[in-house]
Amino acid sequence: MFGLFNNDPTKKLQKTYERKLEQAMLVARNGDMRANATLTEEAEALRAEIDRLKKG
């Protein structure tokens, strides 16, 4: 019952991850491949953190 009020830390990270991927897609459409690579790298780091939290 009290678990209802606990925040799931992966939810916030998941939203940030999805936002980074969307930004990467938009900059790739505009031709900025360097920014695309940077944003994709940041998104993959977030994905690794989400996976780590779900396992532990």
C-alpha atoms as a PDB file:
ATOM      1  CA  MET A   1       0.000   0.000   0.000  1.00  0.00           C
ATOM      2  CA  PHE A   2       2.748   2.428   0.888  1.00  0.00           C
ATOM      3  CA  GLY A   3       4.682   1.502  -2.257  1.00  0.00           C
ATOM      4  CA  LEU A   4       2.078   3.531  -4.132  1.00  0.00           C
ATOM      5  CA  PHE A   5       3.787   6.763  -3.120  1.00  0.00           C
ATOM      6  CA  ASN A   6       7.360   5.709  -3.944  1.00  0.00           C
ATOM      7  CA  ASN A   7       8.799   7.277  -7.067  1.00  0.00           C
ATOM      8  CA  ASP A   8      10.247   4.994  -9.685  1.00  0.00           C
ATOM      9  CA  PRO A   9      13.605   6.536 -10.659  1.00  0.00           C
ATOM     10  CA  THR A  10      13.549   4.815 -14.038  1.00  0.00           C
ATOM     11  CA  LYS A  11      10.442   6.706 -15.196  1.00  0.00           C
ATOM     12  CA  LYS A  12      12.218  10.061 -15.190  1.00  0.00           C
ATOM     13  CA  LEU A  13      15.280   8.565 -16.854  1.00  0.00           C
ATOM     14  CA  GLN A  14      13.089   6.904 -19.493  1.00  0.00           C
ATOM     15  CA  LYS A  15      11.468  10.240 -20.380  1.00  0.00           C
ATOM     16  CA  THR A  16      14.866  11.914 -20.598  1.00  0.00           C
ATOM     17  CA  TYR A  17      16.139   9.040 -22.764  1.00  0.00           C
ATOM     18  CA  GLU A  18      13.218   9.352 -25.173  1.00  0.00           C
ATOM     19  CA  ARG A  19      13.616  13.135 -25.330  1.00  0.00           C
ATOM     20  CA  LYS A  20      17.335  12.790 -26.190  1.00  0.00           C
ATOM     21  CA  LEU A  21      16.571  10.332 -28.989  1.00  0.00           C
ATOM     22  CA  GLU A  22      13.940  12.670 -30.395  1.00  0.00           C
ATOM     23  CA  GLN A  23      16.368  15.602 -30.297  1.00  0.00           C
ATOM     24  CA  ALA A  24      18.995  13.463 -32.038  1.00  0.00           C
ATOM     25  CA  MET A  25      16.529  12.598 -34.788  1.00  0.00           C
ATOM     26  CA  LEU A  26      15.619  16.261 -35.296  1.00  0.00           C
ATOM     27  CA  VAL A  27      19.217  17.463 -35.534  1.00  0.00           C
ATOM     28  CA  ALA A  28      20.008  14.624 -37.951  1.00  0.00           C
ATOM     29  CA  ARG A  29      17.184  15.827 -40.187  1.00  0.00           C
ATOM     30  CA  ASN A  30      18.765  19.270 -40.153  1.00  0.00           C
ATOM     31  CA  GLY A  31      22.101  17.769 -41.194  1.00  0.00           C
ATOM     32  CA  ASP A  32      24.029  18.257 -37.946  1.00  0.00           C
ATOM     33  CA  MET A  33      25.541  14.786 -37.626  1.00  0.00           C
ATOM     34  CA  ARG A  34      27.989  15.794 -34.895  1.00  0.00           C
ATOM     35  CA  ALA A  35      25.148  16.895 -32.600  1.00  0.00           C
ATOM     36  CA  ASN A  36      23.271  13.729 -33.552  1.00  0.00           C
ATOM     37  CA  ALA A  37      26.204  11.585 -32.442  1.00  0.00           C
ATOM     38  CA  THR A  38      26.550  13.496 -29.175  1.00  0.00           C
ATOM     39  CA  LEU A  39      22.864  13.241 -28.316  1.00  0.00           C
ATOM     40  CA  THR A  40      22.747   9.577 -29.257  1.00  0.00           C
ATOM     41  CA  GLU A  41      25.752   8.878 -27.041  1.00  0.00           C
ATOM     42  CA  GLU A  42      24.061  10.664 -24.129  1.00  0.00           C
ATOM     43  CA  ALA A  43      20.860   8.686 -24.750  1.00  0.00           C
ATOM     44  CA  GLU A  44      22.766   5.384 -24.733  1.00  0.00           C
ATOM     45  CA  ALA A  45      24.392   6.324 -21.418  1.00  0.00           C
ATOM     46  CA  LEU A  46      20.927   6.940 -19.996  1.00  0.00           C
ATOM     47  CA  ARG A  47      19.761   3.585 -21.394  1.00  0.00           C
ATOM     48  CA  ALA A  48      22.654   1.842 -19.634  1.00  0.00           C
ATOM     49  CA  GLU A  49      21.724   3.566 -16.368  1.00  0.00           C
ATOM     50  CA  ILE A  50      18.080   2.494 -16.750  1.00  0.00           C
ATOM     51  CA  ASP A  51      19.159  -1.099 -17.377  1.00  0.00           C
ATOM     52  CA  ARG A  52      21.468  -1.009 -14.355  1.00  0.00           C
ATOM     53  CA  LEU A  53      18.675   0.268 -12.089  1.00  0.00           C
ATOM     54  CA  LYS A  54      16.224  -2.356 -13.321  1.00  0.00           C
ATOM     55  CA  LYS A  55      18.692  -5.181 -12.624  1.00  0.00           C
ATOM     56  CA  GLY A  56      19.664  -3.959  -9.173  1.00  0.00           C
END
